[in-house]
Amino acid sequence: MPKDRLSGIESEFKRALSDIIRNDMKDPRVSVMTSVTRVDISRDLKYAKAYISVFDNEKMKKSTIETLTHAEHYIKNEIGARIRIRRLPEITFLLDSSIEYSNKISEILKKV
């Protein structure tokens, strides 16, 4: 699959996933401060890694990732209704702490 087509699919997938988490997931175990930072889809469209950033305490971070993993089937169905691709990949949700890391570095730099 051409790289630009795959990046377009990843972009649409990320947009749909963000919308589902923000507007459709009403589970209190999912933090309201959750965002999708990146989606990587394999070239054969079988697997997707969704990098999720949660700006909350450690307990809510773990709870959010566990809840999203448990709701993968629901999320896949919703994504399938929103974007047209031949095969819906299996989604793995990974906690992305890069935003918090960059905030910590910024705070250190401000002190210097």
Protein backbone atom coordinates (compact mmCIF):
# COMPACT_ATOMS: atom_id res chain seq x y z
CA MET A 1 0.00 0.00 0.00
CA PRO A 2 1.40 3.45 -0.85
CA LYS A 3 2.68 5.35 2.16
CA ASP A 4 0.55 8.45 1.50
CA ARG A 5 -2.64 6.35 1.32
CA LEU A 6 -1.75 4.64 4.60
CA SER A 7 -1.10 7.99 6.29
CA GLY A 8 -4.50 9.20 5.06
CA ILE A 9 -6.18 6.14 6.54
CA GLU A 10 -4.31 6.69 9.82
CA SER A 11 -5.45 10.31 9.89
CA GLU A 12 -9.11 9.38 9.32
CA PHE A 13 -8.85 6.58 11.86
CA LYS A 14 -7.40 8.98 14.44
CA ARG A 15 -10.12 11.56 13.79
CA ALA A 16 -12.89 8.96 14.12
CA LEU A 17 -11.35 7.42 17.25
CA SER A 18 -10.97 10.84 18.89
CA ASP A 19 -14.60 11.66 18.12
CA ILE A 20 -15.82 8.35 19.54
CA ILE A 21 -13.84 8.74 22.77
CA ARG A 22 -14.84 12.39 23.20
CA ASN A 23 -18.54 12.19 22.27
CA ASP A 24 -19.78 8.60 22.41
CA MET A 25 -17.97 6.99 25.34
CA LYS A 26 -20.01 7.85 28.42
CA ASP A 27 -18.11 5.53 30.74
CA PRO A 28 -16.92 7.31 33.92
CA ARG A 29 -13.77 5.16 33.89
CA VAL A 30 -12.58 7.09 30.82
CA SER A 31 -10.99 10.38 31.77
CA VAL A 32 -12.42 13.53 30.21
CA MET A 33 -8.82 14.63 29.65
CA THR A 34 -8.16 11.88 27.08
CA SER A 35 -6.82 12.50 23.60
CA VAL A 36 -5.51 10.39 20.75
CA THR A 37 -1.99 11.55 19.94
CA ARG A 38 -1.12 9.13 17.14
CA VAL A 39 -2.36 6.06 15.29
CA ASP A 40 -0.03 3.64 13.53
CA ILE A 41 -1.64 1.08 11.22
CA SER A 42 0.25 -1.85 9.73
CA ARG A 43 0.64 -1.92 5.95
CA ASP A 44 -1.72 -4.90 5.64
CA LEU A 45 -4.39 -3.06 7.73
CA LYS A 46 -4.58 -5.89 10.27
CA TYR A 47 -3.26 -4.07 13.32
CA ALA A 48 -3.48 -0.55 14.69
CA LYS A 49 -1.68 1.01 17.63
CA ALA A 50 -3.56 3.94 19.13
CA TYR A 51 -1.43 6.15 21.36
CA ILE A 52 -3.64 7.67 24.04
CA SER A 53 -2.65 10.61 26.23
CA VAL A 54 -4.46 10.96 29.54
CA PHE A 55 -3.84 14.12 31.57
CA ASP A 56 -5.00 12.79 34.92
CA ASN A 57 -3.74 10.78 37.89
CA GLU A 58 -2.14 7.33 37.50
CA LYS A 59 -5.29 5.49 38.53
CA MET A 60 -7.38 7.22 35.85
CA LYS A 61 -4.70 6.62 33.22
CA LYS A 62 -4.76 2.89 33.89
CA SER A 63 -8.55 2.84 34.07
CA THR A 64 -8.89 4.71 30.77
CA ILE A 65 -6.59 2.34 28.88
CA GLU A 66 -8.27 -0.74 30.39
CA THR A 67 -11.74 0.56 29.54
CA LEU A 68 -10.79 1.40 25.95
CA THR A 69 -9.22 -2.03 25.54
CA HIS A 70 -12.36 -3.67 26.89
CA ALA A 71 -14.53 -1.57 24.54
CA GLU A 72 -12.43 -2.36 21.44
CA HIS A 73 -15.27 -4.22 19.69
CA TYR A 74 -17.67 -1.31 20.17
CA ILE A 75 -15.02 1.18 19.02
CA LYS A 76 -14.21 -0.90 15.91
CA ASN A 77 -17.90 -1.02 14.96
CA GLU A 78 -18.23 2.73 15.38
CA ILE A 79 -15.11 3.40 13.30
CA GLY A 80 -16.42 1.03 10.62
CA ALA A 81 -19.60 3.08 10.43
CA ARG A 82 -17.65 6.33 10.03
CA ILE A 83 -14.86 5.47 7.60
CA ARG A 84 -14.90 3.19 4.59
CA ILE A 85 -12.03 0.72 4.59
CA ARG A 86 -12.01 -2.89 3.53
CA ARG A 87 -10.65 -4.31 6.76
CA LEU A 88 -10.90 -2.91 10.26
CA PRO A 89 -7.67 -3.48 12.16
CA GLU A 90 -7.35 -4.93 15.65
CA ILE A 91 -6.70 -1.96 17.94
CA THR A 92 -4.10 -1.90 20.69
CA PHE A 93 -4.38 1.05 23.05
CA LEU A 94 -1.07 2.34 24.42
CA LEU A 95 -0.54 5.05 27.01
CA ASP A 96 1.41 7.98 25.55
CA SER A 97 3.17 10.10 28.13
CA SER A 98 5.04 12.34 25.68
CA ILE A 99 2.89 15.41 26.40
CA GLU A 100 3.49 15.12 30.15
CA TYR A 101 7.18 14.59 29.51
CA SER A 102 7.39 17.73 27.39
CA ASN A 103 5.52 19.70 30.07
CA LYS A 104 8.00 18.49 32.68
CA ILE A 105 10.94 19.53 30.47
CA SER A 106 9.34 22.96 29.92
CA GLU A 107 8.98 23.45 33.66
CA ILE A 108 12.63 22.52 34.21
CA LEU A 109 13.72 24.94 31.49
CA LYS A 110 11.64 27.74 33.02
CA LYS A 111 13.45 27.24 36.32
CA VAL A 112 16.84 27.53 34.64
